[in-house]
C-alpha atoms as a PDB file:
ATOM      1  CA  MET A   1       1.344 -16.188 -64.941  1.00  0.00           C
ATOM      2  CA  LEU A   2       0.132 -19.357 -63.233  1.00  0.00           C
ATOM      3  CA  LYS A   3      -1.541 -21.802 -65.603  1.00  0.00           C
ATOM      4  CA  ILE A   4      -3.235 -24.222 -63.198  1.00  0.00           C
ATOM      5  CA  LYS A   5      -6.706 -24.856 -64.639  1.00  0.00           C
ATOM      6  CA  ASP A   6      -7.174 -28.470 -65.822  1.00  0.00           C
ATOM      7  CA  THR A   7      -3.687 -29.538 -64.760  1.00  0.00           C
ATOM      8  CA  VAL A   8      -3.201 -32.928 -63.074  1.00  0.00           C
ATOM      9  CA  THR A   9      -0.762 -33.013 -60.174  1.00  0.00           C
ATOM     10  CA  ILE A  10       0.375 -35.921 -58.026  1.00  0.00           C
ATOM     11  CA  VAL A  11       1.419 -34.762 -54.549  1.00  0.00           C
ATOM     12  CA  THR A  12       2.952 -37.512 -52.456  1.00  0.00           C
ATOM     13  CA  GLY A  13       2.217 -37.430 -48.746  1.00  0.00           C
ATOM     14  CA  SER A  14      -0.677 -35.024 -49.218  1.00  0.00           C
ATOM     15  CA  SER A  15      -3.071 -35.970 -46.422  1.00  0.00           C
ATOM     16  CA  SER A  16      -1.562 -33.344 -44.090  1.00  0.00           C
ATOM     17  CA  GLY A  17       0.919 -30.517 -43.771  1.00  0.00           C
ATOM     18  CA  ILE A  18       2.611 -29.032 -46.833  1.00  0.00           C
ATOM     19  CA  GLY A  19       1.184 -31.686 -49.139  1.00  0.00           C
ATOM     20  CA  ALA A  20      -2.391 -31.017 -48.063  1.00  0.00           C
ATOM     21  CA  ALA A  21      -1.929 -27.258 -48.370  1.00  0.00           C
ATOM     22  CA  THR A  22      -0.555 -27.739 -51.875  1.00  0.00           C
ATOM     23  CA  VAL A  23      -3.425 -29.859 -53.217  1.00  0.00           C
ATOM     24  CA  LYS A  24      -6.006 -27.531 -51.666  1.00  0.00           C
ATOM     25  CA  THR A  25      -4.419 -24.474 -53.261  1.00  0.00           C
ATOM     26  CA  LEU A  26      -4.206 -26.215 -56.628  1.00  0.00           C
ATOM     27  CA  ALA A  27      -7.893 -27.171 -56.388  1.00  0.00           C
ATOM     28  CA  GLU A  28      -8.886 -23.624 -55.475  1.00  0.00           C
ATOM     29  CA  ASN A  29      -7.338 -22.542 -58.761  1.00  0.00           C
ATOM     30  CA  GLY A  30      -8.918 -25.198 -60.973  1.00  0.00           C
ATOM     31  CA  GLY A  31      -6.288 -27.927 -60.888  1.00  0.00           C
ATOM     32  CA  HIS A  32      -7.172 -31.610 -60.605  1.00  0.00           C
ATOM     33  CA  VAL A  33      -5.216 -33.367 -57.853  1.00  0.00           C
ATOM     34  CA  VAL A  34      -4.038 -36.816 -56.831  1.00  0.00           C
ATOM     35  CA  ILE A  35      -3.959 -37.124 -53.049  1.00  0.00           C
ATOM     36  CA  ASN A  36      -1.534 -39.756 -51.872  1.00  0.00           C
ATOM     37  CA  TYR A  37      -1.324 -41.170 -48.369  1.00  0.00           C
ATOM     38  CA  SER A  38       0.386 -44.070 -46.688  1.00  0.00           C
ATOM     39  CA  LYS A  39      -1.726 -44.654 -43.569  1.00  0.00           C
ATOM     40  CA  SER A  40      -4.170 -41.800 -42.889  1.00  0.00           C
ATOM     41  CA  ALA A  41      -7.157 -42.697 -45.110  1.00  0.00           C
ATOM     42  CA  ALA A  42      -9.667 -40.556 -43.214  1.00  0.00           C
ATOM     43  CA  ALA A  43      -7.459 -37.481 -43.392  1.00  0.00           C
ATOM     44  CA  ALA A  44      -6.876 -37.996 -47.115  1.00  0.00           C
ATOM     45  CA  GLU A  45     -10.597 -38.286 -47.815  1.00  0.00           C
ATOM     46  CA  GLU A  46     -11.244 -35.125 -45.831  1.00  0.00           C
ATOM     47  CA  ILE A  47      -8.713 -33.231 -47.921  1.00  0.00           C
ATOM     48  CA  ALA A  48     -10.243 -34.682 -51.091  1.00  0.00           C
ATOM     49  CA  ALA A  49     -13.701 -33.442 -50.075  1.00  0.00           C
ATOM     50  CA  GLU A  50     -12.323 -29.927 -49.567  1.00  0.00           C
ATOM     51  CA  CYS A  51     -10.732 -30.059 -53.016  1.00  0.00           C
ATOM     52  CA  ARG A  52     -13.879 -31.359 -54.743  1.00  0.00           C
ATOM     53  CA  ALA A  53     -15.829 -28.458 -53.272  1.00  0.00           C
ATOM     54  CA  HIS A  54     -13.975 -26.255 -55.757  1.00  0.00           C
ATOM     55  CA  GLY A  55     -15.372 -28.194 -58.707  1.00  0.00           C
ATOM     56  CA  VAL A  56     -12.250 -30.159 -59.609  1.00  0.00           C
ATOM     57  CA  GLU A  57     -11.707 -33.892 -59.863  1.00  0.00           C
ATOM     58  CA  THR A  58      -9.684 -35.717 -57.265  1.00  0.00           C
ATOM     59  CA  LEU A  59      -8.136 -39.138 -56.928  1.00  0.00           C
ATOM     60  CA  VAL A  60      -7.176 -40.584 -53.553  1.00  0.00           C
ATOM     61  CA  VAL A  61      -4.537 -43.316 -53.678  1.00  0.00           C
ATOM     62  CA  GLN A  62      -3.050 -45.263 -50.798  1.00  0.00           C
ATOM     63  CA  ALA A  63       0.564 -45.931 -51.724  1.00  0.00           C
ATOM     64  CA  ASP A  64       3.857 -46.218 -49.907  1.00  0.00           C
ATOM     65  CA  VAL A  65       6.126 -44.398 -52.348  1.00  0.00           C
ATOM     66  CA  GLY A  66       9.071 -46.198 -50.821  1.00  0.00           C
ATOM     67  CA  LYS A  67       7.840 -49.346 -52.627  1.00  0.00           C
ATOM     68  CA  GLU A  68       8.158 -49.744 -56.388  1.00  0.00           C
ATOM     69  CA  GLU A  69       4.872 -51.590 -56.837  1.00  0.00           C
ATOM     70  CA  ASP A  70       3.034 -48.826 -54.987  1.00  0.00           C
ATOM     71  CA  ARG A  71       4.734 -46.073 -56.991  1.00  0.00           C
ATOM     72  CA  LEU A  72       3.822 -47.685 -60.285  1.00  0.00           C
ATOM     73  CA  ARG A  73       0.242 -48.260 -59.155  1.00  0.00           C
ATOM     74  CA  LEU A  74      -0.069 -44.614 -58.083  1.00  0.00           C
ATOM     75  CA  VAL A  75       1.018 -43.449 -61.534  1.00  0.00           C
ATOM     76  CA  ALA A  76      -1.097 -46.048 -63.347  1.00  0.00           C
ATOM     77  CA  GLU A  77      -4.260 -45.087 -61.464  1.00  0.00           C
ATOM     78  CA  THR A  78      -3.607 -41.425 -62.210  1.00  0.00           C
ATOM     79  CA  MET A  79      -3.257 -42.115 -65.936  1.00  0.00           C
ATOM     80  CA  ALA A  80      -6.351 -44.338 -65.930  1.00  0.00           C
ATOM     81  CA  LYS A  81      -8.471 -41.542 -64.444  1.00  0.00           C
ATOM     82  CA  PHE A  82      -7.023 -38.430 -66.049  1.00  0.00           C
ATOM     83  CA  GLY A  83      -5.034 -39.586 -69.085  1.00  0.00           C
ATOM     84  CA  LYS A  84      -2.182 -37.197 -68.285  1.00  0.00           C
ATOM     85  CA  ILE A  85       0.200 -36.047 -65.570  1.00  0.00           C
ATOM     86  CA  THR A  86       1.407 -32.448 -65.688  1.00  0.00           C
ATOM     87  CA  GLY A  87       2.952 -32.104 -62.233  1.00  0.00           C
ATOM     88  CA  LEU A  88       4.618 -34.141 -59.516  1.00  0.00           C
ATOM     89  CA  VAL A  89       5.442 -32.910 -56.028  1.00  0.00           C
ATOM     90  CA  ASN A  90       7.802 -35.244 -54.182  1.00  0.00           C
ATOM     91  CA  ASN A  91       6.668 -34.259 -50.719  1.00  0.00           C
ATOM     92  CA  ALA A  92       6.594 -37.548 -48.765  1.00  0.00           C
ATOM     93  CA  GLY A  93       9.544 -37.833 -46.442  1.00  0.00           C
ATOM     94  CA  THR A  94      10.762 -39.013 -43.076  1.00  0.00           C
ATOM     95  CA  THR A  95      13.335 -38.288 -40.414  1.00  0.00           C
ATOM     96  CA  VAL A  96      14.783 -39.410 -37.119  1.00  0.00           C
ATOM     97  CA  PHE A  97      14.888 -36.742 -34.429  1.00  0.00           C
ATOM     98  CA  MET A  98      18.340 -36.909 -32.910  1.00  0.00           C
ATOM     99  CA  ASP A  99      20.695 -34.243 -31.567  1.00  0.00           C
ATOM    100  CA  HIS A 100      23.555 -33.750 -34.023  1.00  0.00           C
ATOM    101  CA  SER A 101      26.154 -34.132 -31.311  1.00  0.00           C
ATOM    102  CA  ASN A 102      24.939 -37.627 -30.429  1.00  0.00           C
ATOM    103  CA  LEU A 103      26.653 -39.668 -33.125  1.00  0.00           C
ATOM    104  CA  ASP A 104      25.774 -42.897 -31.348  1.00  0.00           C
ATOM    105  CA  GLY A 105      22.096 -42.003 -31.537  1.00  0.00           C
ATOM    106  CA  LEU A 106      21.831 -42.816 -35.241  1.00  0.00           C
ATOM    107  CA  SER A 107      22.082 -46.350 -36.560  1.00  0.00           C
ATOM    108  CA  GLU A 108      23.009 -47.524 -40.030  1.00  0.00           C
ATOM    109  CA  ASP A 109      19.385 -48.510 -40.513  1.00  0.00           C
ATOM    110  CA  ASP A 110      18.313 -44.959 -39.642  1.00  0.00           C
ATOM    111  CA  PHE A 111      20.405 -43.628 -42.511  1.00  0.00           C
ATOM    112  CA  HIS A 112      19.113 -46.265 -44.925  1.00  0.00           C
ATOM    113  CA  ASN A 113      15.472 -45.588 -44.000  1.00  0.00           C
ATOM    114  CA  VAL A 114      15.777 -41.813 -44.261  1.00  0.00           C
ATOM    115  CA  TYR A 115      17.653 -41.975 -47.580  1.00  0.00           C
ATOM    116  CA  HIS A 116      15.218 -44.509 -48.967  1.00  0.00           C
ATOM    117  CA  LEU A 117      12.189 -42.233 -48.635  1.00  0.00           C
ATOM    118  CA  ASN A 118      13.870 -38.833 -48.958  1.00  0.00           C
ATOM    119  CA  VAL A 119      16.153 -39.520 -51.928  1.00  0.00           C
ATOM    120  CA  ILE A 120      15.469 -42.829 -53.662  1.00  0.00           C
ATOM    121  CA  ALA A 121      11.669 -42.512 -53.697  1.00  0.00           C
ATOM    122  CA  PRO A 122      11.692 -39.047 -55.352  1.00  0.00           C
ATOM    123  CA  PHE A 123      14.059 -40.374 -58.020  1.00  0.00           C
ATOM    124  CA  MET A 124      11.857 -43.390 -58.677  1.00  0.00           C
ATOM    125  CA  MET A 125       8.675 -41.295 -58.742  1.00  0.00           C
ATOM    126  CA  SER A 126      10.274 -38.913 -61.220  1.00  0.00           C
ATOM    127  CA  ARG A 127      11.281 -41.857 -63.378  1.00  0.00           C
ATOM    128  CA  ALA A 128       7.763 -43.274 -63.193  1.00  0.00           C
ATOM    129  CA  VAL A 129       6.123 -40.105 -64.537  1.00  0.00           C
ATOM    130  CA  GLU A 130       8.836 -39.161 -67.052  1.00  0.00           C
ATOM    131  CA  GLN A 131       7.402 -40.720 -70.210  1.00  0.00           C
ATOM    132  CA  HIS A 132       3.854 -39.606 -69.434  1.00  0.00           C
ATOM    133  CA  MET A 133       5.035 -36.019 -69.045  1.00  0.00           C
ATOM    134  CA  ARG A 134       7.133 -36.187 -72.202  1.00  0.00           C
ATOM    135  CA  ASP A 135       4.192 -37.622 -74.133  1.00  0.00           C
ATOM    136  CA  GLY A 136       2.087 -34.699 -72.932  1.00  0.00           C
ATOM    137  CA  GLY A 137       4.668 -32.206 -74.097  1.00  0.00           C
ATOM    138  CA  ARG A 138       5.347 -30.683 -70.699  1.00  0.00           C
ATOM    139  CA  GLY A 139       5.793 -31.490 -67.063  1.00  0.00           C
ATOM    140  CA  SER A 140       7.100 -30.113 -63.813  1.00  0.00           C
ATOM    141  CA  VAL A 141       8.652 -31.913 -60.844  1.00  0.00           C
ATOM    142  CA  VAL A 142       9.072 -30.150 -57.518  1.00  0.00           C
ATOM    143  CA  ASN A 143      11.121 -31.798 -54.800  1.00  0.00           C
ATOM    144  CA  ILE A 144      10.463 -30.775 -51.203  1.00  0.00           C
ATOM    145  CA  SER A 145      13.813 -30.489 -49.529  1.00  0.00           C
ATOM    146  CA  SER A 146      14.750 -28.413 -46.483  1.00  0.00           C
ATOM    147  CA  VAL A 147      16.995 -25.618 -45.346  1.00  0.00           C
ATOM    148  CA  ALA A 148      18.663 -28.481 -43.455  1.00  0.00           C
ATOM    149  CA  GLY A 149      20.109 -29.732 -46.740  1.00  0.00           C
ATOM    150  CA  VAL A 150      21.856 -26.404 -47.298  1.00  0.00           C
ATOM    151  CA  MET A 151      22.872 -25.474 -43.749  1.00  0.00           C
ATOM    152  CA  GLY A 152      23.541 -28.908 -42.242  1.00  0.00           C
ATOM    153  CA  VAL A 153      20.987 -28.336 -39.472  1.00  0.00           C
ATOM    154  CA  GLY A 154      17.610 -29.870 -38.695  1.00  0.00           C
ATOM    155  CA  SER A 155      16.155 -32.896 -36.996  1.00  0.00           C
ATOM    156  CA  SER A 156      19.235 -35.100 -37.452  1.00  0.00           C
ATOM    157  CA  ILE A 157      22.442 -35.459 -39.445  1.00  0.00           C
ATOM    158  CA  ALA A 158      20.805 -38.246 -41.452  1.00  0.00           C
ATOM    159  CA  TYR A 159      17.963 -35.940 -42.428  1.00  0.00           C
ATOM    160  CA  ALA A 160      20.235 -33.027 -43.356  1.00  0.00           C
ATOM    161  CA  ALA A 161      22.440 -35.300 -45.449  1.00  0.00           C
ATOM    162  CA  SER A 162      19.440 -36.793 -47.262  1.00  0.00           C
ATOM    163  CA  LYS A 163      18.095 -33.353 -48.161  1.00  0.00           C
ATOM    164  CA  GLY A 164      21.534 -32.298 -49.383  1.00  0.00           C
ATOM    165  CA  ALA A 165      21.498 -35.343 -51.645  1.00  0.00           C
ATOM    166  CA  LEU A 166      17.999 -34.449 -52.867  1.00  0.00           C
ATOM    167  CA  ASN A 167      19.230 -30.953 -53.769  1.00  0.00           C
ATOM    168  CA  THR A 168      22.084 -32.386 -55.817  1.00  0.00           C
ATOM    169  CA  MET A 169      19.760 -34.879 -57.495  1.00  0.00           C
ATOM    170  CA  THR A 170      17.519 -31.987 -58.530  1.00  0.00           C
ATOM    171  CA  LEU A 171      20.394 -30.560 -60.579  1.00  0.00           C
ATOM    172  CA  SER A 172      21.084 -33.891 -62.249  1.00  0.00           C
ATOM    173  CA  LEU A 173      17.430 -34.529 -63.100  1.00  0.00           C
ATOM    174  CA  ALA A 174      16.937 -30.998 -64.413  1.00  0.00           C
ATOM    175  CA  ARG A 175      19.750 -31.557 -66.918  1.00  0.00           C
ATOM    176  CA  VAL A 176      18.438 -34.836 -68.297  1.00  0.00           C
ATOM    177  CA  LEU A 177      14.657 -34.367 -68.164  1.00  0.00           C
ATOM    178  CA  GLY A 178      14.523 -31.179 -70.205  1.00  0.00           C
ATOM    179  CA  PRO A 179      13.285 -29.735 -72.419  1.00  0.00           C
ATOM    180  CA  GLU A 180       9.818 -31.099 -71.689  1.00  0.00           C
ATOM    181  CA  ILE A 181      10.210 -31.471 -67.917  1.00  0.00           C
ATOM    182  CA  ARG A 182      11.420 -28.869 -65.430  1.00  0.00           C
ATOM    183  CA  VAL A 183      12.789 -29.971 -62.036  1.00  0.00           C
ATOM    184  CA  ASN A 184      13.110 -27.595 -59.085  1.00  0.00           C
ATOM    185  CA  THR A 185      13.283 -27.720 -55.310  1.00  0.00           C
ATOM    186  CA  VAL A 186      11.674 -25.836 -52.449  1.00  0.00           C
ATOM    187  CA  CYS A 187      13.630 -25.775 -49.187  1.00  0.00           C
ATOM    188  CA  PRO A 188      11.317 -24.967 -46.264  1.00  0.00           C
ATOM    189  CA  GLY A 189      12.672 -23.854 -42.945  1.00  0.00           C
ATOM    190  CA  PHE A 190      10.762 -24.260 -39.690  1.00  0.00           C
ATOM    191  CA  VAL A 191       7.238 -25.342 -40.672  1.00  0.00           C
ATOM    192  CA  ILE A 192       4.586 -24.576 -38.081  1.00  0.00           C
ATOM    193  CA  GLY A 193       2.466 -27.611 -37.263  1.00  0.00           C
ATOM    194  CA  ASP A 194       1.797 -30.648 -35.112  1.00  0.00           C
ATOM    195  CA  TRP A 195       4.279 -32.929 -36.893  1.00  0.00           C
ATOM    196  CA  LEU A 196       7.300 -30.858 -35.956  1.00  0.00           C
ATOM    197  CA  ARG A 197       5.970 -30.133 -32.479  1.00  0.00           C
ATOM    198  CA  LYS A 198       5.553 -33.852 -31.821  1.00  0.00           C
ATOM    199  CA  GLY A 199       9.048 -34.665 -33.067  1.00  0.00           C
ATOM    200  CA  MET A 200      10.817 -31.872 -31.218  1.00  0.00           C
ATOM    201  CA  GLY A 201       8.745 -31.798 -28.054  1.00  0.00           C
ATOM    202  CA  ASP A 202       6.870 -28.763 -26.777  1.00  0.00           C
ATOM    203  CA  ALA A 203       9.782 -27.043 -25.039  1.00  0.00           C
ATOM    204  CA  LYS A 204      12.233 -27.187 -27.946  1.00  0.00           C
ATOM    205  CA  TYR A 205       9.524 -26.393 -30.500  1.00  0.00           C
ATOM    206  CA  ASP A 206       8.408 -23.258 -28.649  1.00  0.00           C
ATOM    207  CA  ALA A 207      11.993 -22.151 -27.967  1.00  0.00           C
ATOM    208  CA  THR A 208      12.858 -22.494 -31.669  1.00  0.00           C
ATOM    209  CA  ARG A 209       9.815 -20.485 -32.731  1.00  0.00           C
ATOM    210  CA  ASN A 210      10.685 -17.732 -30.268  1.00  0.00           C
ATOM    211  CA  HIS A 211      14.292 -17.660 -31.457  1.00  0.00           C
ATOM    212  CA  LEU A 212      13.268 -17.361 -35.116  1.00  0.00           C
ATOM    213  CA  ALA A 213      10.782 -14.602 -34.338  1.00  0.00           C
ATOM    214  CA  THR A 214      13.600 -12.584 -32.798  1.00  0.00           C
ATOM    215  CA  ASN A 215      16.665 -13.454 -34.850  1.00  0.00           C
ATOM    216  CA  THR A 216      15.684 -13.916 -38.509  1.00  0.00           C
ATOM    217  CA  ALA A 217      15.438 -11.261 -41.178  1.00  0.00           C
ATOM    218  CA  LEU A 218      11.642 -11.493 -41.475  1.00  0.00           C
ATOM    219  CA  LYS A 219      11.123 -11.868 -37.706  1.00  0.00           C
ATOM    220  CA  LYS A 220       8.706 -14.756 -38.223  1.00  0.00           C
ATOM    221  CA  PRO A 221       8.262 -17.806 -35.943  1.00  0.00           C
ATOM    222  CA  GLY A 222       8.468 -20.179 -38.913  1.00  0.00           C
ATOM    223  CA  GLY A 223       6.161 -20.573 -41.880  1.00  0.00           C
ATOM    224  CA  THR A 224       2.772 -22.192 -42.371  1.00  0.00           C
ATOM    225  CA  PRO A 225       2.132 -25.082 -44.779  1.00  0.00           C
ATOM    226  CA  GLU A 226       0.119 -22.647 -46.892  1.00  0.00           C
ATOM    227  CA  GLU A 227       3.139 -20.364 -47.197  1.00  0.00           C
ATOM    228  CA  MET A 228       5.225 -23.330 -48.321  1.00  0.00           C
ATOM    229  CA  ALA A 229       2.631 -24.200 -50.964  1.00  0.00           C
ATOM    230  CA  GLU A 230       3.062 -20.814 -52.667  1.00  0.00           C
ATOM    231  CA  PRO A 231       6.568 -21.402 -54.114  1.00  0.00           C
ATOM    232  CA  ILE A 232       5.741 -25.047 -54.840  1.00  0.00           C
ATOM    233  CA  ILE A 233       2.869 -24.016 -57.081  1.00  0.00           C
ATOM    234  CA  TRP A 234       4.935 -21.261 -58.679  1.00  0.00           C
ATOM    235  CA  PHE A 235       7.580 -23.811 -59.638  1.00  0.00           C
ATOM    236  CA  LEU A 236       4.880 -26.180 -60.908  1.00  0.00           C
ATOM    237  CA  TYR A 237       2.922 -23.872 -63.154  1.00  0.00           C
ATOM    238  CA  GLY A 238       4.463 -20.430 -63.214  1.00  0.00           C
ATOM    239  CA  ALA A 239       8.244 -20.641 -63.552  1.00  0.00           C
ATOM    240  CA  SER A 240       8.308 -21.553 -67.244  1.00  0.00           C
ATOM    241  CA  ASN A 241      11.966 -20.558 -67.724  1.00  0.00           C
ATOM    242  CA  THR A 242      13.302 -22.034 -64.491  1.00  0.00           C
ATOM    243  CA  THR A 243      14.794 -25.471 -63.893  1.00  0.00           C
ATOM    244  CA  GLY A 244      17.462 -26.858 -61.579  1.00  0.00           C
ATOM    245  CA  GLU A 245      16.793 -24.184 -58.982  1.00  0.00           C
ATOM    246  CA  PHE A 246      16.431 -24.158 -55.174  1.00  0.00           C
ATOM    247  CA  LEU A 247      14.149 -21.737 -53.383  1.00  0.00           C
ATOM    248  CA  MET A 248      14.715 -21.159 -49.679  1.00  0.00           C
ATOM    249  CA  ALA A 249      11.284 -20.660 -48.101  1.00  0.00           C
ATOM    250  CA  ASP A 250      12.596 -20.146 -44.585  1.00  0.00           C
ATOM    251  CA  GLY A 251      11.859 -16.544 -43.614  1.00  0.00           C
ATOM    252  CA  GLY A 252      15.553 -15.713 -43.929  1.00  0.00           C
ATOM    253  CA  MET A 253      16.718 -18.443 -41.562  1.00  0.00           C
ATOM    254  CA  HIS A 254      19.637 -19.348 -43.859  1.00  0.00           C
ATOM    255  CA  LEU A 255      20.951 -15.779 -43.591  1.00  0.00           C
ATOM    256  CA  GLY A 256      21.749 -16.211 -39.924  1.00  0.00           C
ATOM    257  CA  GLN A 257      21.024 -13.755 -37.159  1.00  0.00           C
ATOM    258  CA  ALA A 258      20.014 -10.307 -38.372  1.00  0.00           C
ATOM    259  CA  PRO A 259      22.871  -7.821 -37.794  1.00  0.00           C
ATOM    260  CA  LEU A 260      22.581  -4.696 -35.715  1.00  0.00           C
ATOM    261  CA  THR A 261      21.592  -1.676 -37.779  1.00  0.00           C
ATOM    262  CA  MET A 262      23.770   1.410 -37.482  1.00  0.00           C
ATOM    263  CA  ARG A 263      21.741   4.626 -37.530  1.00  0.00           C
END
């Protein structure tokens, strides 16, 4: 059973995409939400208005979670308004779009930048909320990884490696943050939306969607942000006996091409 009413959840990078879908779904079910953005103030306020329409309280905070002072301010403002933090979704992330075969296409700085936001920032955010969650007697952290971190695919080798590291970190954090705090990971596959289309380009984006619709177990051309929000919220407020787990929300992409059926 989902116990969302009157919870307080920080979702990093929640002015669009999976983050926005997550805060809107939480609000629809009575959860108070903290909407974090780095640059898109107007988009964040629009999402906040949609959430408030469901009768919940919202907090909009501009913060670059790659910076310690911003992370601490995000948590401090949340505590000042709500007095508790029950959930954290480490959704903010970045990548460099580069064909895996082009080893010269990635610089050392590319790796540092991707790791900084995709691995270090989730660790630091988890550390920042730890004592508040313990003081409240419970807490749940959900890291947003990727099927890339399991399969070694995706937008670039740097991205895949960073998500693999995030998966491993989930196991480590789950061991040390219990019993009060559970830590789990959702691994989306191809997420339908403008962000991925812009990064891949129209031709590659459309070709990938068509391939998935033909060759995956569920025959789906990727998943929507709303579909990704479903397992995130389950991990947050429904999976009371689950920690240190990965959930592949990829329509069966990690299974490979569906085999021929003998009849």
